[in-house]
Amino acid sequence: MNEGNQRFCIRVATTDDEGTFVRTEGVFVINHALKLAYNLDWPEEWYKDEGGRDKCITAGVELQDANGQIVTTRRVPLKVTLFYQTGTPVGRQDILKLGVGSGDGAAGGGGLGGGLGGNGSGSSNNSLCVVNGIAEVKARIDEVSRSHQGWAFKLRIGPDVANHPLDNDVSAVMRPSMILE
């Protein structure tokens, strides 16, 4: 129920003649949700340079409906944003790099190869999409937690509503936080 990309609100009024009412803020109706595709034992610490500069953090996501079924009939461009463990966005999004093959729906792989991307405000590109209900995000964070007051990082994977506003009926997912060493 996207209804032309409009927000909905709920209004509750009294039955007396005073006309008193309250109204909620506008909200979007969520039809689909991004969920982590596999339940891995996420490490609390991640050593970014062990294994070379092509080592990456991988997060598989699925697009699911209200019944938890994978939605294969919708293509959703994604945006990945770096957050601190507190839920605050990291100011310098350019330290987040996405790997080749991110979001192509392919499982497996593990390296960043030669193509790294980042645009300074969360990373989004044409190839970063949910296709046939799945996507795999490969990311590298170029700074360690020590450079950020020791805070852990986490990734928010969500629809790219800035470039595709009709996808605002898809909720985002947060990958569990980890300390980068």
C-alpha atoms as a PDB file:
ATOM      1  CA  MET A   1       0.000   0.000   0.000  1.00  0.00           C
ATOM      2  CA  ASN A   2       2.243   2.775  -1.210  1.00  0.00           C
ATOM      3  CA  GLU A   3      -0.628   5.109  -2.146  1.00  0.00           C
ATOM      4  CA  GLY A   4       1.400   7.542  -4.211  1.00  0.00           C
ATOM      5  CA  ASN A   5       4.281   7.845  -1.745  1.00  0.00           C
ATOM      6  CA  GLN A   6       2.149   9.628   0.871  1.00  0.00           C
ATOM      7  CA  ARG A   7       2.380   9.506   4.643  1.00  0.00           C
ATOM      8  CA  PHE A   8      -0.537   8.367   6.778  1.00  0.00           C
ATOM      9  CA  CYS A   9      -1.583   9.586  10.203  1.00  0.00           C
ATOM     10  CA  ILE A  10      -4.139   8.518  12.784  1.00  0.00           C
ATOM     11  CA  ARG A  11      -6.557  11.043  14.210  1.00  0.00           C
ATOM     12  CA  VAL A  12      -8.512  10.367  17.412  1.00  0.00           C
ATOM     13  CA  ALA A  13     -11.307  12.712  18.490  1.00  0.00           C
ATOM     14  CA  THR A  14     -13.583  12.935  21.512  1.00  0.00           C
ATOM     15  CA  THR A  15     -17.324  12.466  21.215  1.00  0.00           C
ATOM     16  CA  ASP A  16     -18.167  15.731  22.980  1.00  0.00           C
ATOM     17  CA  ASP A  17     -18.935  18.971  21.176  1.00  0.00           C
ATOM     18  CA  GLU A  18     -15.575  20.569  21.951  1.00  0.00           C
ATOM     19  CA  GLY A  19     -13.882  19.181  18.854  1.00  0.00           C
ATOM     20  CA  THR A  20     -10.826  18.010  20.760  1.00  0.00           C
ATOM     21  CA  PHE A  21      -8.535  15.624  18.865  1.00  0.00           C
ATOM     22  CA  VAL A  22      -4.996  14.318  18.665  1.00  0.00           C
ATOM     23  CA  ARG A  23      -3.120  13.220  15.584  1.00  0.00           C
ATOM     24  CA  THR A  24       0.008  11.136  15.076  1.00  0.00           C
ATOM     25  CA  GLU A  25       2.940  12.251  12.982  1.00  0.00           C
ATOM     26  CA  GLY A  26       2.843  11.049   9.386  1.00  0.00           C
ATOM     27  CA  VAL A  27       4.221   7.542   8.816  1.00  0.00           C
ATOM     28  CA  PHE A  28       4.912   5.400   5.789  1.00  0.00           C
ATOM     29  CA  VAL A  29       3.316   1.981   5.531  1.00  0.00           C
ATOM     30  CA  ILE A  30       5.920  -0.796   5.299  1.00  0.00           C
ATOM     31  CA  ASN A  31       5.134  -3.566   2.805  1.00  0.00           C
ATOM     32  CA  HIS A  32       8.499  -5.323   2.696  1.00  0.00           C
ATOM     33  CA  ALA A  33      11.476  -5.622   5.033  1.00  0.00           C
ATOM     34  CA  LEU A  34      15.149  -6.265   4.486  1.00  0.00           C
ATOM     35  CA  LYS A  35      16.381  -9.040   6.797  1.00  0.00           C
ATOM     36  CA  LEU A  36      19.819 -10.538   7.302  1.00  0.00           C
ATOM     37  CA  ALA A  37      19.814 -13.618   5.072  1.00  0.00           C
ATOM     38  CA  TYR A  38      21.756 -15.927   7.312  1.00  0.00           C
ATOM     39  CA  ASN A  39      22.166 -16.086  11.022  1.00  0.00           C
ATOM     40  CA  LEU A  40      25.920 -16.147  11.441  1.00  0.00           C
ATOM     41  CA  ASP A  41      27.808 -15.816  14.651  1.00  0.00           C
ATOM     42  CA  TRP A  42      28.917 -12.206  14.045  1.00  0.00           C
ATOM     43  CA  PRO A  43      32.371 -11.540  15.490  1.00  0.00           C
ATOM     44  CA  GLU A  44      32.577  -8.755  18.070  1.00  0.00           C
ATOM     45  CA  GLU A  45      36.057  -7.830  16.837  1.00  0.00           C
ATOM     46  CA  TRP A  46      37.153  -7.747  13.216  1.00  0.00           C
ATOM     47  CA  TYR A  47      40.738  -7.370  12.080  1.00  0.00           C
ATOM     48  CA  LYS A  48      40.470  -5.419   8.862  1.00  0.00           C
ATOM     49  CA  ASP A  49      43.990  -5.995   7.527  1.00  0.00           C
ATOM     50  CA  GLU A  50      44.345  -9.687   8.361  1.00  0.00           C
ATOM     51  CA  GLY A  51      44.176 -11.440   5.010  1.00  0.00           C
ATOM     52  CA  GLY A  52      45.017  -8.388   2.905  1.00  0.00           C
ATOM     53  CA  ARG A  53      43.349  -5.194   1.785  1.00  0.00           C
ATOM     54  CA  ASP A  54      40.672  -7.083  -0.130  1.00  0.00           C
ATOM     55  CA  LYS A  55      39.221  -8.571   3.078  1.00  0.00           C
ATOM     56  CA  CYS A  56      35.659  -7.391   3.606  1.00  0.00           C
ATOM     57  CA  ILE A  57      32.643  -7.550   5.877  1.00  0.00           C
ATOM     58  CA  THR A  58      29.866  -9.493   4.169  1.00  0.00           C
ATOM     59  CA  ALA A  59      26.160  -9.168   4.867  1.00  0.00           C
ATOM     60  CA  GLY A  60      23.587 -11.135   2.918  1.00  0.00           C
ATOM     61  CA  VAL A  61      20.095  -9.647   2.919  1.00  0.00           C
ATOM     62  CA  GLU A  62      16.685 -10.869   1.825  1.00  0.00           C
ATOM     63  CA  LEU A  63      13.610  -8.856   0.886  1.00  0.00           C
ATOM     64  CA  GLN A  64      10.696 -10.357   2.830  1.00  0.00           C
ATOM     65  CA  ASP A  65       6.968  -9.757   2.990  1.00  0.00           C
ATOM     66  CA  ALA A  66       4.831  -9.650   6.161  1.00  0.00           C
ATOM     67  CA  ASN A  67       4.724 -13.477   6.240  1.00  0.00           C
ATOM     68  CA  GLY A  68       8.522 -13.821   6.077  1.00  0.00           C
ATOM     69  CA  GLN A  69       8.421 -15.021   2.473  1.00  0.00           C
ATOM     70  CA  ILE A  70      11.122 -13.848   0.067  1.00  0.00           C
ATOM     71  CA  VAL A  71       9.819 -11.312  -2.459  1.00  0.00           C
ATOM     72  CA  THR A  72      11.324 -12.164  -5.864  1.00  0.00           C
ATOM     73  CA  THR A  73       9.208  -9.854  -8.019  1.00  0.00           C
ATOM     74  CA  ARG A  74      10.725  -6.560  -6.903  1.00  0.00           C
ATOM     75  CA  ARG A  75      14.090  -4.927  -7.600  1.00  0.00           C
ATOM     76  CA  VAL A  76      15.176  -2.574  -4.794  1.00  0.00           C
ATOM     77  CA  PRO A  77      18.265  -0.329  -5.134  1.00  0.00           C
ATOM     78  CA  LEU A  78      20.136  -0.208  -1.835  1.00  0.00           C
ATOM     79  CA  LYS A  79      22.129   2.321   0.154  1.00  0.00           C
ATOM     80  CA  VAL A  80      24.651   1.289   2.806  1.00  0.00           C
ATOM     81  CA  THR A  81      25.394   3.736   5.619  1.00  0.00           C
ATOM     82  CA  LEU A  82      27.985   3.442   8.382  1.00  0.00           C
ATOM     83  CA  PHE A  83      26.821   3.968  11.982  1.00  0.00           C
ATOM     84  CA  TYR A  84      28.391   3.835  15.412  1.00  0.00           C
ATOM     85  CA  GLN A  85      27.142   1.289  17.946  1.00  0.00           C
ATOM     86  CA  THR A  86      25.109   4.111  19.531  1.00  0.00           C
ATOM     87  CA  GLY A  87      22.979   4.503  16.409  1.00  0.00           C
ATOM     88  CA  THR A  88      24.619   7.778  15.394  1.00  0.00           C
ATOM     89  CA  PRO A  89      25.707   8.004  11.738  1.00  0.00           C
ATOM     90  CA  VAL A  90      29.470   8.234  11.211  1.00  0.00           C
ATOM     91  CA  GLY A  91      30.297  11.738   9.996  1.00  0.00           C
ATOM     92  CA  ARG A  92      32.846  10.624   7.393  1.00  0.00           C
ATOM     93  CA  GLN A  93      30.995   8.129   5.205  1.00  0.00           C
ATOM     94  CA  ASP A  94      33.930   8.109   2.775  1.00  0.00           C
ATOM     95  CA  ILE A  95      35.713   5.547   5.009  1.00  0.00           C
ATOM     96  CA  LEU A  96      33.062   3.011   3.912  1.00  0.00           C
ATOM     97  CA  LYS A  97      33.945   1.233   0.662  1.00  0.00           C
ATOM     98  CA  LEU A  98      31.723  -1.265  -1.127  1.00  0.00           C
ATOM     99  CA  GLY A  99      33.115  -4.210  -3.048  1.00  0.00           C
ATOM    100  CA  VAL A 100      32.632  -5.444  -6.579  1.00  0.00           C
ATOM    101  CA  GLY A 101      29.617  -7.710  -6.770  1.00  0.00           C
ATOM    102  CA  SER A 102      27.850  -6.093  -3.822  1.00  0.00           C
ATOM    103  CA  GLY A 103      24.127  -6.341  -4.212  1.00  0.00           C
ATOM    104  CA  ASP A 104      24.116  -8.477  -7.355  1.00  0.00           C
ATOM    105  CA  GLY A 105      22.162 -11.250  -5.653  1.00  0.00           C
ATOM    106  CA  ALA A 106      25.126 -13.607  -5.907  1.00  0.00           C
ATOM    107  CA  ALA A 107      26.109 -15.636  -2.901  1.00  0.00           C
ATOM    108  CA  GLY A 108      29.692 -16.365  -1.970  1.00  0.00           C
ATOM    109  CA  GLY A 109      32.788 -14.435  -2.825  1.00  0.00           C
ATOM    110  CA  GLY A 110      34.681 -12.547  -0.231  1.00  0.00           C
ATOM    111  CA  GLY A 111      37.064 -10.048  -1.716  1.00  0.00           C
ATOM    112  CA  LEU A 112      36.702  -6.469  -2.649  1.00  0.00           C
ATOM    113  CA  GLY A 113      38.668  -6.882  -5.826  1.00  0.00           C
ATOM    114  CA  GLY A 114      39.645  -3.698  -7.576  1.00  0.00           C
ATOM    115  CA  GLY A 115      36.410  -1.756  -7.444  1.00  0.00           C
ATOM    116  CA  LEU A 116      35.718   0.201  -4.308  1.00  0.00           C
ATOM    117  CA  GLY A 117      33.109   2.870  -4.098  1.00  0.00           C
ATOM    118  CA  GLY A 118      31.907   5.476  -1.653  1.00  0.00           C
ATOM    119  CA  ASN A 119      30.249   8.839  -2.043  1.00  0.00           C
ATOM    120  CA  GLY A 120      30.733  10.478   1.337  1.00  0.00           C
ATOM    121  CA  SER A 121      27.106  10.187   2.487  1.00  0.00           C
ATOM    122  CA  GLY A 122      26.506   6.473   2.485  1.00  0.00           C
ATOM    123  CA  SER A 123      27.299   4.324  -0.484  1.00  0.00           C
ATOM    124  CA  SER A 124      24.821   3.697  -3.235  1.00  0.00           C
ATOM    125  CA  ASN A 125      25.321   2.672  -6.817  1.00  0.00           C
ATOM    126  CA  ASN A 126      23.429   1.088  -9.660  1.00  0.00           C
ATOM    127  CA  SER A 127      24.680  -2.442  -9.029  1.00  0.00           C
ATOM    128  CA  LEU A 128      23.755  -2.414  -5.333  1.00  0.00           C
ATOM    129  CA  CYS A 129      20.262  -3.905  -5.585  1.00  0.00           C
ATOM    130  CA  VAL A 130      18.048  -6.625  -4.239  1.00  0.00           C
ATOM    131  CA  VAL A 131      17.439  -8.902  -7.238  1.00  0.00           C
ATOM    132  CA  ASN A 132      15.238 -12.005  -7.032  1.00  0.00           C
ATOM    133  CA  GLY A 133      14.757 -11.304  -3.328  1.00  0.00           C
ATOM    134  CA  ILE A 134      18.422 -11.363  -2.277  1.00  0.00           C
ATOM    135  CA  ALA A 135      21.536  -9.198  -2.203  1.00  0.00           C
ATOM    136  CA  GLU A 136      25.024  -9.535  -0.816  1.00  0.00           C
ATOM    137  CA  VAL A 137      26.803  -6.475   0.491  1.00  0.00           C
ATOM    138  CA  LYS A 138      30.605  -6.548   0.725  1.00  0.00           C
ATOM    139  CA  ALA A 139      32.040  -3.627   2.644  1.00  0.00           C
ATOM    140  CA  ARG A 140      35.338  -2.421   3.997  1.00  0.00           C
ATOM    141  CA  ILE A 141      35.802   0.260   6.636  1.00  0.00           C
ATOM    142  CA  ASP A 142      39.133   2.015   6.153  1.00  0.00           C
ATOM    143  CA  GLU A 143      39.606   3.184   9.752  1.00  0.00           C
ATOM    144  CA  VAL A 144      39.767   1.297  13.040  1.00  0.00           C
ATOM    145  CA  SER A 145      37.547   1.864  16.058  1.00  0.00           C
ATOM    146  CA  ARG A 146      40.487   3.340  18.009  1.00  0.00           C
ATOM    147  CA  SER A 147      40.337   6.344  15.649  1.00  0.00           C
ATOM    148  CA  HIS A 148      36.669   6.805  16.596  1.00  0.00           C
ATOM    149  CA  GLN A 149      36.819   6.901  20.411  1.00  0.00           C
ATOM    150  CA  GLY A 150      36.883   3.079  20.488  1.00  0.00           C
ATOM    151  CA  TRP A 151      33.292   2.807  19.275  1.00  0.00           C
ATOM    152  CA  ALA A 152      32.110  -0.204  17.333  1.00  0.00           C
ATOM    153  CA  PHE A 153      30.681   0.218  13.847  1.00  0.00           C
ATOM    154  CA  LYS A 154      27.576  -1.223  12.247  1.00  0.00           C
ATOM    155  CA  LEU A 155      26.120  -1.072   8.758  1.00  0.00           C
ATOM    156  CA  ARG A 156      22.611   0.073   7.891  1.00  0.00           C
ATOM    157  CA  ILE A 157      21.402  -1.525   4.673  1.00  0.00           C
ATOM    158  CA  GLY A 158      18.248   0.078   3.352  1.00  0.00           C
ATOM    159  CA  PRO A 159      16.430   1.202   0.245  1.00  0.00           C
ATOM    160  CA  ASP A 160      17.938   4.137  -1.644  1.00  0.00           C
ATOM    161  CA  VAL A 161      14.903   6.385  -1.184  1.00  0.00           C
ATOM    162  CA  ALA A 162      16.795   9.527  -2.198  1.00  0.00           C
ATOM    163  CA  ASN A 163      17.039   8.213  -5.767  1.00  0.00           C
ATOM    164  CA  HIS A 164      14.036   5.835  -5.654  1.00  0.00           C
ATOM    165  CA  PRO A 165      11.415   7.433  -3.360  1.00  0.00           C
ATOM    166  CA  LEU A 166       8.710   4.845  -4.081  1.00  0.00           C
ATOM    167  CA  ASP A 167      10.852   2.280  -2.244  1.00  0.00           C
ATOM    168  CA  ASN A 168      10.103   3.972   1.084  1.00  0.00           C
ATOM    169  CA  ASP A 169       7.753   1.069   1.877  1.00  0.00           C
ATOM    170  CA  VAL A 170      10.826  -1.155   2.473  1.00  0.00           C
ATOM    171  CA  SER A 171      12.346  -1.133   5.957  1.00  0.00           C
ATOM    172  CA  ALA A 172      16.104  -1.209   6.478  1.00  0.00           C
ATOM    173  CA  VAL A 173      18.214  -3.672   8.471  1.00  0.00           C
ATOM    174  CA  MET A 174      21.219  -3.061  10.725  1.00  0.00           C
ATOM    175  CA  ARG A 175      24.108  -5.480  10.727  1.00  0.00           C
ATOM    176  CA  PRO A 176      25.319  -6.195  14.307  1.00  0.00           C
ATOM    177  CA  SER A 177      28.088  -3.909  15.545  1.00  0.00           C
ATOM    178  CA  MET A 178      31.767  -4.857  15.691  1.00  0.00           C
ATOM    179  CA  ILE A 179      35.023  -3.318  16.893  1.00  0.00           C
ATOM    180  CA  LEU A 180      37.512  -2.829  14.059  1.00  0.00           C
ATOM    181  CA  GLU A 181      41.154  -3.461  14.865  1.00  0.00           C
END
